[in-house]
């Protein structure tokens, strides 16, 4: 019951946060939308695929003898990246940020044990 209440409070906090523009973003908690941009220098590569990316999060699970999935490893990148919303460019530090992406990949590898890996 407590988890439900806390999720409801979080939902209302996010829903009540207006989407800001980079050129006029206030201090504090804000919501931004836009196109991701690589910062100068070396490009971040996805931990699982090795492909260039701005940010990643992954979860690896392994199927046990009872045919149930068990958590093996979870991590996400901490490198900063840019966000361009057409009015300006903002540098995003993903530490403690909630990043929502429409890009998600799930696949299995090998016969036994199987791994299920999610990549954002």
Protein backbone atom coordinates (compact mmCIF):
# COMPACT_ATOMS: atom_id res chain seq x y z
CA UNK A 1 0.00 0.00 0.00
CA UNK A 2 2.86 2.38 0.81
CA UNK A 3 4.54 1.69 -2.53
CA UNK A 4 1.29 2.47 -4.36
CA UNK A 5 0.92 5.77 -2.48
CA UNK A 6 4.54 6.79 -3.16
CA UNK A 7 4.16 5.98 -6.87
CA UNK A 8 0.96 8.03 -6.99
CA UNK A 9 2.75 11.01 -5.39
CA UNK A 10 5.62 10.65 -7.87
CA UNK A 11 3.18 10.48 -10.79
CA UNK A 12 1.45 13.69 -9.67
CA UNK A 13 4.78 15.47 -9.15
CA UNK A 14 5.91 14.59 -12.68
CA UNK A 15 2.50 15.28 -14.24
CA UNK A 16 2.37 18.72 -12.57
CA UNK A 17 5.85 19.69 -13.80
CA UNK A 18 5.53 21.79 -16.96
CA UNK A 19 7.82 21.08 -19.89
CA UNK A 20 10.39 23.89 -20.10
CA UNK A 21 12.37 25.27 -23.01
CA UNK A 22 16.17 25.23 -22.74
CA UNK A 23 16.39 28.99 -23.31
CA UNK A 24 14.11 29.76 -20.34
CA UNK A 25 14.47 26.77 -18.01
CA UNK A 26 14.16 27.70 -14.33
CA UNK A 27 16.32 26.29 -11.54
CA UNK A 28 15.09 23.15 -9.81
CA UNK A 29 13.20 20.14 -11.11
CA UNK A 30 12.16 20.53 -14.72
CA UNK A 31 11.07 18.44 -17.67
CA UNK A 32 12.86 18.87 -20.99
CA UNK A 33 12.25 17.26 -24.36
CA UNK A 34 14.46 17.44 -27.41
CA UNK A 35 17.11 15.79 -29.52
CA UNK A 36 20.17 14.31 -27.83
CA UNK A 37 23.61 15.60 -28.87
CA UNK A 38 27.09 14.16 -28.33
CA UNK A 39 29.42 16.40 -26.32
CA UNK A 40 32.88 17.08 -27.78
CA UNK A 41 35.46 14.36 -27.26
CA UNK A 42 35.19 10.61 -27.10
CA UNK A 43 31.77 9.12 -27.77
CA UNK A 44 30.17 6.86 -25.21
CA UNK A 45 29.68 3.26 -26.34
CA UNK A 46 26.93 0.98 -25.15
CA UNK A 47 28.15 -1.57 -22.60
CA UNK A 48 26.36 -4.48 -24.24
CA UNK A 49 26.48 -3.70 -27.97
CA UNK A 50 29.56 -1.46 -28.24
CA UNK A 51 27.58 0.97 -30.44
CA UNK A 52 27.90 4.75 -29.99
CA UNK A 53 25.17 6.20 -27.77
CA UNK A 54 24.36 9.18 -25.54
CA UNK A 55 23.20 7.15 -22.53
CA UNK A 56 22.44 3.53 -21.69
CA UNK A 57 20.86 1.44 -18.99
CA UNK A 58 20.96 -2.34 -18.94
CA UNK A 59 19.70 -5.24 -16.87
CA UNK A 60 20.98 -8.76 -17.31
CA UNK A 61 18.93 -11.68 -16.06
CA UNK A 62 19.68 -15.39 -16.14
CA UNK A 63 17.18 -18.22 -16.25
CA UNK A 64 17.70 -20.67 -13.41
CA UNK A 65 16.98 -24.36 -13.08
CA UNK A 66 13.41 -23.64 -11.98
CA UNK A 67 12.86 -21.77 -15.30
CA UNK A 68 12.55 -18.40 -13.48
CA UNK A 69 14.60 -15.32 -14.32
CA UNK A 70 17.09 -14.06 -11.70
CA UNK A 71 18.78 -10.68 -11.67
CA UNK A 72 22.51 -10.82 -12.50
CA UNK A 73 23.62 -7.25 -13.16
CA UNK A 74 22.21 -3.74 -13.69
CA UNK A 75 23.99 -0.52 -14.56
CA UNK A 76 23.64 2.74 -16.45
CA UNK A 77 26.01 5.27 -17.89
CA UNK A 78 26.92 8.45 -16.02
CA UNK A 79 28.49 10.49 -18.86
CA UNK A 80 26.96 13.91 -19.54
CA UNK A 81 25.31 14.61 -22.89
CA UNK A 82 23.60 17.48 -24.65
CA UNK A 83 19.89 18.05 -25.27
CA UNK A 84 18.78 20.43 -28.03
CA UNK A 85 15.13 21.53 -28.01
CA UNK A 86 15.46 24.08 -30.80
CA UNK A 87 15.78 27.05 -28.44
CA UNK A 88 19.14 26.12 -26.97
CA UNK A 89 21.47 23.36 -25.89
CA UNK A 90 21.46 22.04 -22.31
CA UNK A 91 24.11 19.78 -20.79
CA UNK A 92 22.43 16.84 -19.03
CA UNK A 93 24.02 15.05 -16.08
CA UNK A 94 22.12 11.76 -15.92
CA UNK A 95 23.04 11.11 -12.27
CA UNK A 96 19.69 10.89 -10.43
CA UNK A 97 17.80 12.01 -13.55
CA UNK A 98 14.78 10.13 -14.78
CA UNK A 99 15.42 9.41 -18.44
CA UNK A 100 12.54 8.11 -20.53
CA UNK A 101 13.37 6.75 -23.94
CA UNK A 102 11.37 4.98 -26.60
CA UNK A 103 14.38 2.89 -27.63
CA UNK A 104 14.45 -0.48 -25.90
CA UNK A 105 16.06 -3.72 -27.03
CA UNK A 106 15.60 -7.14 -25.46
CA UNK A 107 17.33 -10.30 -26.58
CA UNK A 108 18.51 -13.69 -25.41
CA UNK A 109 21.94 -15.16 -25.87
CA UNK A 110 23.08 -18.77 -25.81
CA UNK A 111 21.15 -21.94 -25.12
CA UNK A 112 21.57 -22.67 -21.41
CA UNK A 113 21.77 -20.54 -19.38
CA UNK A 114 19.79 -17.90 -21.28
CA UNK A 115 20.38 -14.21 -20.69
CA UNK A 116 17.74 -11.57 -21.15
CA UNK A 117 19.25 -8.10 -21.58
CA UNK A 118 17.43 -4.80 -21.82
CA UNK A 119 19.07 -1.73 -23.29
CA UNK A 120 17.64 1.78 -23.35
